[in-house]
N, C-alpha and C. Protein backbone atom coordinates (compact mmCIF):
# COMPACT_ATOMS: atom_id res chain seq x y z
N MET A 1 185.61 19.27 64.66
CA MET A 1 184.63 19.05 63.64
C MET A 1 184.42 17.56 63.39
N PHE A 2 185.51 16.77 63.39
CA PHE A 2 185.37 15.35 63.10
C PHE A 2 184.63 14.62 64.21
N LEU A 3 184.91 14.98 65.47
CA LEU A 3 184.20 14.35 66.58
C LEU A 3 182.72 14.68 66.47
N SER A 4 182.40 15.92 66.21
CA SER A 4 181.02 16.36 66.04
C SER A 4 180.37 15.62 64.87
N LEU A 5 181.11 15.45 63.78
CA LEU A 5 180.60 14.75 62.61
C LEU A 5 180.31 13.30 62.95
N ARG A 6 181.20 12.66 63.73
CA ARG A 6 180.96 11.27 64.12
C ARG A 6 179.70 11.15 64.96
N LEU A 7 179.48 12.09 65.87
CA LEU A 7 178.29 12.07 66.69
C LEU A 7 177.05 12.20 65.82
N ARG A 8 177.10 13.09 64.85
CA ARG A 8 175.96 13.28 63.97
C ARG A 8 175.71 12.04 63.12
N ILE A 9 176.77 11.39 62.68
CA ILE A 9 176.61 10.16 61.92
C ILE A 9 175.95 9.11 62.79
N SER A 10 176.36 9.01 64.04
CA SER A 10 175.76 8.05 64.96
C SER A 10 174.29 8.34 65.15
N LEU A 11 173.94 9.61 65.31
CA LEU A 11 172.53 9.98 65.46
C LEU A 11 171.75 9.58 64.22
N HIS A 12 172.35 9.80 63.06
CA HIS A 12 171.69 9.46 61.80
C HIS A 12 171.45 7.96 61.72
N ARG A 13 172.41 7.18 62.11
CA ARG A 13 172.29 5.73 62.01
C ARG A 13 171.41 5.14 63.10
N CYS A 14 171.45 5.71 64.31
CA CYS A 14 170.79 5.10 65.45
C CYS A 14 169.46 5.74 65.82
N GLY A 15 169.24 6.96 65.40
CA GLY A 15 168.05 7.68 65.83
C GLY A 15 166.77 7.02 65.37
N LYS A 16 165.82 6.86 66.29
CA LYS A 16 164.53 6.29 65.94
C LYS A 16 163.52 7.39 65.65
N ASN A 17 163.81 8.56 66.13
CA ASN A 17 162.94 9.70 65.94
C ASN A 17 163.21 10.31 64.56
N GLY A 18 162.18 10.46 63.75
CA GLY A 18 162.35 11.01 62.41
C GLY A 18 162.98 12.39 62.41
N ALA A 19 162.65 13.22 63.41
CA ALA A 19 163.20 14.57 63.48
C ALA A 19 164.70 14.52 63.71
N VAL A 20 165.14 13.65 64.59
CA VAL A 20 166.57 13.53 64.86
C VAL A 20 167.29 13.09 63.60
N GLN A 21 166.74 12.14 62.90
CA GLN A 21 167.35 11.68 61.66
C GLN A 21 167.39 12.79 60.62
N PHE A 22 166.31 13.57 60.52
CA PHE A 22 166.27 14.66 59.56
C PHE A 22 167.35 15.69 59.85
N PHE A 23 167.45 16.14 61.11
CA PHE A 23 168.44 17.15 61.45
C PHE A 23 169.86 16.61 61.29
N ALA A 24 170.07 15.37 61.67
CA ALA A 24 171.39 14.77 61.51
C ALA A 24 171.76 14.73 60.03
N ARG A 25 170.80 14.35 59.19
CA ARG A 25 171.05 14.27 57.75
C ARG A 25 171.36 15.66 57.19
N GLN A 26 170.61 16.68 57.64
CA GLN A 26 170.85 18.04 57.18
C GLN A 26 172.26 18.50 57.55
N GLU A 27 172.67 18.22 58.78
CA GLU A 27 174.00 18.64 59.22
C GLU A 27 175.08 17.89 58.47
N LEU A 28 174.86 16.64 58.15
CA LEU A 28 175.82 15.89 57.35
C LEU A 28 175.95 16.49 55.95
N LEU A 29 174.84 16.91 55.37
CA LEU A 29 174.90 17.54 54.06
C LEU A 29 175.70 18.83 54.11
N GLU A 30 175.54 19.61 55.18
CA GLU A 30 176.32 20.83 55.33
C GLU A 30 177.81 20.51 55.47
N ALA A 31 178.13 19.49 56.25
CA ALA A 31 179.52 19.08 56.41
C ALA A 31 180.10 18.63 55.08
N ASP A 32 179.30 17.90 54.28
CA ASP A 32 179.77 17.47 52.96
C ASP A 32 180.03 18.67 52.05
N LYS A 33 179.18 19.69 52.11
CA LYS A 33 179.41 20.89 51.31
C LYS A 33 180.74 21.53 51.66
N ILE A 34 181.00 21.63 52.95
CA ILE A 34 182.26 22.23 53.41
C ILE A 34 183.44 21.40 52.93
N MET A 35 183.37 20.09 53.12
CA MET A 35 184.48 19.23 52.72
C MET A 35 184.67 19.23 51.20
N ASN A 36 183.59 19.33 50.44
CA ASN A 36 183.71 19.35 48.99
C ASN A 36 184.30 20.66 48.49
N ALA A 37 184.24 21.71 49.29
CA ALA A 37 184.80 23.00 48.91
C ALA A 37 186.31 23.05 49.11
N LEU A 38 186.91 21.96 49.52
CA LEU A 38 188.35 21.94 49.78
C LEU A 38 189.20 21.90 48.52
N ALA A 39 188.61 21.49 47.44
CA ALA A 39 189.37 21.37 46.20
C ALA A 39 190.02 22.71 45.86
N GLU A 40 191.23 22.63 45.38
CA GLU A 40 192.00 23.80 44.95
C GLU A 40 192.47 24.68 46.11
N LYS A 41 192.40 24.18 47.32
CA LYS A 41 192.92 24.92 48.47
C LYS A 41 194.12 24.17 49.03
N VAL A 42 194.94 24.87 49.80
CA VAL A 42 196.12 24.26 50.40
C VAL A 42 195.94 24.25 51.91
N TYR A 43 196.15 23.09 52.51
CA TYR A 43 196.04 22.94 53.96
C TYR A 43 197.36 22.44 54.52
N VAL A 44 197.80 23.08 55.58
CA VAL A 44 199.02 22.67 56.28
C VAL A 44 198.56 21.95 57.53
N VAL A 45 198.97 20.69 57.68
CA VAL A 45 198.52 19.87 58.81
C VAL A 45 199.74 19.44 59.61
N THR A 46 199.78 19.84 60.88
CA THR A 46 200.88 19.42 61.75
C THR A 46 200.54 18.08 62.39
N GLY A 47 201.57 17.33 62.73
CA GLY A 47 201.36 16.01 63.33
C GLY A 47 200.65 15.08 62.37
N ALA A 48 200.98 15.20 61.10
CA ALA A 48 200.22 14.53 60.05
C ALA A 48 200.61 13.09 59.79
N ASN A 49 201.55 12.55 60.55
CA ASN A 49 201.95 11.17 60.28
C ASN A 49 201.14 10.15 61.07
N SER A 50 200.30 10.60 62.03
CA SER A 50 199.49 9.64 62.78
C SER A 50 198.30 10.35 63.43
N GLY A 51 197.38 9.57 63.92
CA GLY A 51 196.27 10.09 64.71
C GLY A 51 195.36 11.05 63.97
N ILE A 52 194.89 12.05 64.70
CA ILE A 52 193.95 13.02 64.15
C ILE A 52 194.57 13.79 62.99
N GLY A 53 195.85 14.14 63.11
CA GLY A 53 196.52 14.87 62.04
C GLY A 53 196.53 14.08 60.74
N PHE A 54 196.85 12.79 60.85
CA PHE A 54 196.87 11.94 59.66
C PHE A 54 195.47 11.84 59.05
N ASN A 55 194.47 11.58 59.90
CA ASN A 55 193.10 11.43 59.40
C ASN A 55 192.59 12.72 58.76
N ALA A 56 192.90 13.85 59.36
CA ALA A 56 192.48 15.13 58.78
C ALA A 56 193.16 15.35 57.43
N ALA A 57 194.47 15.13 57.36
CA ALA A 57 195.21 15.32 56.11
C ALA A 57 194.69 14.39 55.02
N GLN A 58 194.42 13.16 55.39
CA GLN A 58 193.92 12.19 54.42
C GLN A 58 192.55 12.62 53.90
N ARG A 59 191.69 13.05 54.79
CA ARG A 59 190.34 13.48 54.37
C ARG A 59 190.41 14.71 53.48
N PHE A 60 191.25 15.68 53.84
CA PHE A 60 191.41 16.88 53.01
C PHE A 60 191.88 16.49 51.61
N ALA A 61 192.90 15.63 51.54
CA ALA A 61 193.45 15.21 50.25
C ALA A 61 192.41 14.45 49.43
N GLU A 62 191.65 13.59 50.08
CA GLU A 62 190.62 12.82 49.37
C GLU A 62 189.55 13.73 48.78
N LYS A 63 189.36 14.89 49.38
CA LYS A 63 188.37 15.86 48.86
C LYS A 63 188.99 16.82 47.85
N GLY A 64 190.24 16.59 47.47
CA GLY A 64 190.85 17.36 46.41
C GLY A 64 191.78 18.48 46.83
N ALA A 65 191.97 18.66 48.11
CA ALA A 65 192.85 19.74 48.57
C ALA A 65 194.31 19.36 48.39
N GLU A 66 195.13 20.38 48.23
CA GLU A 66 196.58 20.18 48.30
C GLU A 66 196.93 20.20 49.77
N VAL A 67 197.72 19.25 50.22
CA VAL A 67 198.02 19.12 51.64
C VAL A 67 199.53 19.15 51.86
N VAL A 68 199.93 19.93 52.86
CA VAL A 68 201.32 19.95 53.30
C VAL A 68 201.36 19.25 54.64
N LEU A 69 202.04 18.12 54.68
CA LEU A 69 202.19 17.35 55.92
C LEU A 69 203.39 17.88 56.67
N VAL A 70 203.20 18.27 57.91
CA VAL A 70 204.32 18.71 58.74
C VAL A 70 204.55 17.63 59.79
N CYS A 71 205.72 16.99 59.71
CA CYS A 71 206.05 15.89 60.60
C CYS A 71 207.45 16.11 61.18
N ARG A 72 207.69 15.51 62.31
CA ARG A 72 209.01 15.60 62.94
C ARG A 72 209.95 14.53 62.41
N CYS A 73 209.42 13.35 62.16
CA CYS A 73 210.24 12.21 61.73
C CYS A 73 210.11 12.01 60.21
N PRO A 74 211.21 12.14 59.48
CA PRO A 74 211.14 11.99 58.02
C PRO A 74 210.60 10.64 57.56
N ASP A 75 211.01 9.55 58.19
CA ASP A 75 210.56 8.22 57.77
C ASP A 75 209.06 8.05 57.95
N LYS A 76 208.56 8.44 59.11
CA LYS A 76 207.11 8.35 59.36
C LYS A 76 206.35 9.29 58.44
N GLY A 77 206.92 10.44 58.18
CA GLY A 77 206.29 11.41 57.29
C GLY A 77 206.17 10.88 55.87
N ARG A 78 207.24 10.26 55.37
CA ARG A 78 207.20 9.69 54.01
C ARG A 78 206.19 8.55 53.92
N ALA A 79 206.10 7.74 54.97
CA ALA A 79 205.13 6.65 54.98
C ALA A 79 203.70 7.20 54.96
N ALA A 80 203.45 8.22 55.76
CA ALA A 80 202.12 8.84 55.78
C ALA A 80 201.80 9.47 54.43
N GLN A 81 202.79 10.14 53.85
CA GLN A 81 202.60 10.79 52.55
C GLN A 81 202.22 9.74 51.50
N ALA A 82 202.90 8.61 51.48
CA ALA A 82 202.60 7.55 50.50
C ALA A 82 201.19 7.01 50.70
N ARG A 83 200.79 6.80 51.95
CA ARG A 83 199.43 6.29 52.23
C ARG A 83 198.37 7.29 51.78
N ILE A 84 198.62 8.57 52.03
CA ILE A 84 197.63 9.58 51.66
C ILE A 84 197.54 9.74 50.15
N ILE A 85 198.67 9.72 49.47
CA ILE A 85 198.66 9.81 48.00
C ILE A 85 197.89 8.63 47.41
N ALA A 86 198.11 7.44 47.95
CA ALA A 86 197.41 6.26 47.46
C ALA A 86 195.90 6.37 47.66
N SER A 87 195.47 6.89 48.79
CA SER A 87 194.03 6.96 49.05
C SER A 87 193.38 8.16 48.35
N ALA A 88 194.14 9.24 48.14
CA ALA A 88 193.57 10.45 47.54
C ALA A 88 193.47 10.38 46.02
N GLY A 89 194.38 9.63 45.41
CA GLY A 89 194.36 9.53 43.96
C GLY A 89 195.04 10.69 43.24
N HIS A 90 195.75 11.53 43.99
CA HIS A 90 196.54 12.59 43.38
C HIS A 90 197.81 12.77 44.21
N ASP A 91 198.79 13.47 43.64
CA ASP A 91 200.08 13.58 44.33
C ASP A 91 200.34 14.98 44.88
N ARG A 92 199.29 15.77 45.10
CA ARG A 92 199.46 17.11 45.66
C ARG A 92 199.53 17.02 47.19
N VAL A 93 200.44 16.19 47.66
CA VAL A 93 200.67 15.99 49.09
C VAL A 93 202.17 16.15 49.32
N ARG A 94 202.54 17.26 49.95
CA ARG A 94 203.95 17.56 50.19
C ARG A 94 204.30 17.25 51.64
N LEU A 95 205.56 16.98 51.85
CA LEU A 95 206.06 16.70 53.20
C LEU A 95 207.06 17.77 53.60
N GLU A 96 206.86 18.33 54.77
CA GLU A 96 207.80 19.26 55.37
C GLU A 96 208.19 18.69 56.73
N ILE A 97 209.46 18.78 57.05
CA ILE A 97 209.97 18.27 58.33
C ILE A 97 210.21 19.46 59.25
N ALA A 98 209.67 19.37 60.46
CA ALA A 98 209.87 20.43 61.45
C ALA A 98 209.67 19.84 62.84
N ASP A 99 210.45 20.35 63.78
CA ASP A 99 210.33 19.96 65.18
C ASP A 99 209.81 21.18 65.94
N PHE A 100 208.58 21.08 66.41
CA PHE A 100 207.94 22.23 67.05
C PHE A 100 208.51 22.55 68.44
N SER A 101 209.42 21.74 68.92
CA SER A 101 210.08 22.07 70.18
C SER A 101 211.27 23.01 69.95
N SER A 102 211.58 23.26 68.69
CA SER A 102 212.69 24.13 68.32
C SER A 102 212.16 25.35 67.55
N MET A 103 212.32 26.53 68.11
CA MET A 103 211.87 27.74 67.43
C MET A 103 212.61 27.95 66.12
N GLN A 104 213.86 27.53 66.06
CA GLN A 104 214.62 27.64 64.82
C GLN A 104 213.98 26.78 63.73
N SER A 105 213.56 25.59 64.08
CA SER A 105 212.91 24.70 63.13
C SER A 105 211.56 25.26 62.68
N VAL A 106 210.81 25.82 63.61
CA VAL A 106 209.51 26.41 63.28
C VAL A 106 209.69 27.61 62.36
N SER A 107 210.67 28.44 62.67
CA SER A 107 210.95 29.61 61.84
C SER A 107 211.37 29.21 60.43
N ALA A 108 212.20 28.19 60.33
CA ALA A 108 212.63 27.71 59.01
C ALA A 108 211.44 27.16 58.22
N LEU A 109 210.55 26.45 58.90
CA LEU A 109 209.34 25.93 58.25
C LEU A 109 208.49 27.09 57.73
N ALA A 110 208.30 28.09 58.56
CA ALA A 110 207.50 29.26 58.15
C ALA A 110 208.11 29.92 56.92
N ASP A 111 209.42 30.05 56.89
CA ASP A 111 210.09 30.64 55.72
C ASP A 111 209.87 29.80 54.47
N ARG A 112 209.98 28.47 54.60
CA ARG A 112 209.78 27.60 53.44
C ARG A 112 208.33 27.68 52.93
N LEU A 113 207.39 27.71 53.85
CA LEU A 113 205.98 27.79 53.44
C LEU A 113 205.67 29.13 52.80
N ALA A 114 206.27 30.19 53.31
CA ALA A 114 206.01 31.52 52.77
C ALA A 114 206.56 31.66 51.35
N GLU A 115 207.63 30.94 51.03
CA GLU A 115 208.22 30.99 49.70
C GLU A 115 207.34 30.36 48.64
N GLN A 116 206.47 29.46 49.04
CA GLN A 116 205.66 28.70 48.07
C GLN A 116 204.31 29.31 47.84
């Protein structure tokens, strides 16, 4: 969705054809509606300490969602959590540690998430 959104933003900014700009603008408005509907929902994001996972978690939190960051490294996870809380303006950003190469770790994560 984010790659698609970036392409549409580029079309909106660069398009010389009025129709292209109109459709790009319409699709951006739809994407904004979806992102604005995130408030009061909980999203679990794996790989949330860097890259696409971090950007997705940050965007969800900025739109008001509660976010559970799932990271393998506690230090990197805490750093990502602090950055997201600072940019989102709320503290509904939890950190869970799990190593997806270990089924025991994944199972324990699933149990912890199910309890909440």
